Amino acid sequence: LASVFFQSREVVIKKLLEDAKSFDTSLLIIMLMVFFPLMILGFGLAIPTGVFMPTILVGCIGGALFGKIIVHLKSFSHSDGHSDDDNG
């Protein structure tokens, strides 16, 4: 968790894009809960702040979380013994 918050955003984005499986789902949820409000706060400030990198970071976190949810749902749907290849 500390490596995510204390490294540069570029390094975290690169890790998310290259190996999103290495991040735990709870860590992704915590990251989203922290970085999304900070991104919104940065958009609303009257001073010039960077908005591109926080937006990319939140998008990477959301995409990794969405991917984990889809993989979990797919494995859950195939655990009942039926597969897509069965015709009857």
C-alpha atoms as a PDB file:
ATOM      1  CA  LEU A   1       0.000   0.000   0.000  1.00  0.00           C
ATOM      2  CA  ALA A   2       2.793   2.403   0.837  1.00  0.00           C
ATOM      3  CA  SER A   3       4.530   1.702  -2.469  1.00  0.00           C
ATOM      4  CA  VAL A   4       1.421   2.881  -4.302  1.00  0.00           C
ATOM      5  CA  PHE A   5       1.057   6.132  -2.387  1.00  0.00           C
ATOM      6  CA  PHE A   6       4.732   7.114  -2.195  1.00  0.00           C
ATOM      7  CA  GLN A   7       5.872   6.265  -5.722  1.00  0.00           C
ATOM      8  CA  SER A   8       5.375   8.577  -8.655  1.00  0.00           C
ATOM      9  CA  ARG A   9       2.056   8.275 -10.440  1.00  0.00           C
ATOM     10  CA  GLU A  10       3.822   7.201 -13.631  1.00  0.00           C
ATOM     11  CA  VAL A  11       5.298   4.143 -11.923  1.00  0.00           C
ATOM     12  CA  VAL A  12       1.934   3.133 -10.442  1.00  0.00           C
ATOM     13  CA  ILE A  13       0.186   3.563 -13.803  1.00  0.00           C
ATOM     14  CA  LYS A  14       2.858   1.455 -15.506  1.00  0.00           C
ATOM     15  CA  LYS A  15       2.457  -1.303 -12.873  1.00  0.00           C
ATOM     16  CA  LEU A  16      -1.333  -1.247 -13.280  1.00  0.00           C
ATOM     17  CA  LEU A  17      -1.090  -1.503 -17.059  1.00  0.00           C
ATOM     18  CA  GLU A  18       1.580  -4.221 -17.087  1.00  0.00           C
ATOM     19  CA  ASP A  19       0.425  -6.471 -14.245  1.00  0.00           C
ATOM     20  CA  ALA A  20      -2.953  -5.595 -12.755  1.00  0.00           C
ATOM     21  CA  LYS A  21      -3.256  -9.117 -11.296  1.00  0.00           C
ATOM     22  CA  SER A  22      -0.569  -8.302  -8.736  1.00  0.00           C
ATOM     23  CA  PHE A  23      -2.899  -5.770  -7.062  1.00  0.00           C
ATOM     24  CA  ASP A  24      -5.388  -7.134  -4.556  1.00  0.00           C
ATOM     25  CA  THR A  25      -9.041  -6.161  -5.028  1.00  0.00           C
ATOM     26  CA  SER A  26      -9.217  -4.474  -1.630  1.00  0.00           C
ATOM     27  CA  LEU A  27      -6.127  -2.403  -2.478  1.00  0.00           C
ATOM     28  CA  LEU A  28      -7.740  -1.282  -5.740  1.00  0.00           C
ATOM     29  CA  ILE A  29     -10.897  -0.245  -3.875  1.00  0.00           C
ATOM     30  CA  ILE A  30      -8.855   1.722  -1.327  1.00  0.00           C
ATOM     31  CA  MET A  31      -6.868   3.392  -4.108  1.00  0.00           C
ATOM     32  CA  LEU A  32     -10.067   4.347  -5.914  1.00  0.00           C
ATOM     33  CA  MET A  33     -11.617   5.722  -2.712  1.00  0.00           C
ATOM     34  CA  VAL A  34      -8.529   7.881  -2.107  1.00  0.00           C
ATOM     35  CA  PHE A  35      -7.566   9.035  -5.594  1.00  0.00           C
ATOM     36  CA  PHE A  36     -11.057   9.694  -7.022  1.00  0.00           C
ATOM     37  CA  PRO A  37     -11.986  12.404  -4.475  1.00  0.00           C
ATOM     38  CA  LEU A  38      -8.499  13.897  -4.810  1.00  0.00           C
ATOM     39  CA  MET A  39      -8.960  14.018  -8.586  1.00  0.00           C
ATOM     40  CA  ILE A  40     -12.320  15.779  -8.202  1.00  0.00           C
ATOM     41  CA  LEU A  41     -10.787  18.215  -5.723  1.00  0.00           C
ATOM     42  CA  GLY A  42      -7.982  18.942  -8.182  1.00  0.00           C
ATOM     43  CA  PHE A  43     -10.498  19.692 -10.936  1.00  0.00           C
ATOM     44  CA  GLY A  44     -12.364  22.150  -8.712  1.00  0.00           C
ATOM     45  CA  LEU A  45      -9.403  24.143  -7.452  1.00  0.00           C
ATOM     46  CA  ALA A  46      -8.881  27.655  -8.792  1.00  0.00           C
ATOM     47  CA  ILE A  47      -5.128  27.086  -9.073  1.00  0.00           C
ATOM     48  CA  PRO A  48      -3.411  25.326 -11.968  1.00  0.00           C
ATOM     49  CA  THR A  49      -2.867  21.690 -11.070  1.00  0.00           C
ATOM     50  CA  GLY A  50      -2.174  18.649 -13.181  1.00  0.00           C
ATOM     51  CA  VAL A  51      -5.364  16.888 -14.157  1.00  0.00           C
ATOM     52  CA  PHE A  52      -4.090  14.506 -16.827  1.00  0.00           C
ATOM     53  CA  MET A  53      -2.104  12.046 -14.689  1.00  0.00           C
ATOM     54  CA  PRO A  54      -4.702  11.736 -11.892  1.00  0.00           C
ATOM     55  CA  THR A  55      -7.365  11.049 -14.513  1.00  0.00           C
ATOM     56  CA  ILE A  56      -5.259   8.336 -16.136  1.00  0.00           C
ATOM     57  CA  LEU A  57      -4.493   6.829 -12.718  1.00  0.00           C
ATOM     58  CA  VAL A  58      -8.161   6.689 -11.695  1.00  0.00           C
ATOM     59  CA  GLY A  59      -9.027   5.180 -15.081  1.00  0.00           C
ATOM     60  CA  CYS A  60      -6.355   2.493 -14.671  1.00  0.00           C
ATOM     61  CA  ILE A  61      -7.564   1.671 -11.178  1.00  0.00           C
ATOM     62  CA  GLY A  62     -11.185   1.494 -12.339  1.00  0.00           C
ATOM     63  CA  GLY A  63     -10.256  -0.651 -15.325  1.00  0.00           C
ATOM     64  CA  ALA A  64      -8.246  -3.085 -13.206  1.00  0.00           C
ATOM     65  CA  LEU A  65     -11.096  -3.326 -10.705  1.00  0.00           C
ATOM     66  CA  PHE A  66     -13.651  -3.851 -13.487  1.00  0.00           C
ATOM     67  CA  GLY A  67     -11.471  -6.587 -15.006  1.00  0.00           C
ATOM     68  CA  LYS A  68     -11.199  -8.391 -11.680  1.00  0.00           C
ATOM     69  CA  ILE A  69     -14.984  -8.227 -11.248  1.00  0.00           C
ATOM     70  CA  ILE A  70     -15.595  -9.644 -14.737  1.00  0.00           C
ATOM     71  CA  VAL A  71     -13.109 -12.494 -14.176  1.00  0.00           C
ATOM     72  CA  HIS A  72     -14.767 -13.267 -10.838  1.00  0.00           C
ATOM     73  CA  LEU A  73     -18.250 -13.283 -12.404  1.00  0.00           C
ATOM     74  CA  LYS A  74     -17.084 -15.483 -15.274  1.00  0.00           C
ATOM     75  CA  SER A  75     -15.506 -18.008 -12.896  1.00  0.00           C
ATOM     76  CA  PHE A  76     -18.660 -17.889 -10.746  1.00  0.00           C
ATOM     77  CA  SER A  77     -20.930 -18.587 -13.718  1.00  0.00           C
ATOM     78  CA  HIS A  78     -18.831 -21.596 -14.786  1.00  0.00           C
ATOM     79  CA  SER A  79     -18.680 -23.096 -11.306  1.00  0.00           C
ATOM     80  CA  ASP A  80     -22.220 -24.488 -11.568  1.00  0.00           C
ATOM     81  CA  GLY A  81     -21.047 -27.235 -13.944  1.00  0.00           C
ATOM     82  CA  HIS A  82     -22.422 -25.792 -17.168  1.00  0.00           C
ATOM     83  CA  SER A  83     -20.228 -24.412 -19.884  1.00  0.00           C
ATOM     84  CA  ASP A  84     -20.881 -22.357 -22.988  1.00  0.00           C
ATOM     85  CA  ASP A  85     -19.999 -25.360 -25.142  1.00  0.00           C
ATOM     86  CA  ASP A  86     -22.931 -27.475 -23.882  1.00  0.00           C
ATOM     87  CA  ASN A  87     -25.885 -27.554 -26.254  1.00  0.00           C
ATOM     88  CA  GLY A  88     -28.423 -29.116 -24.072  1.00  0.00           C
END
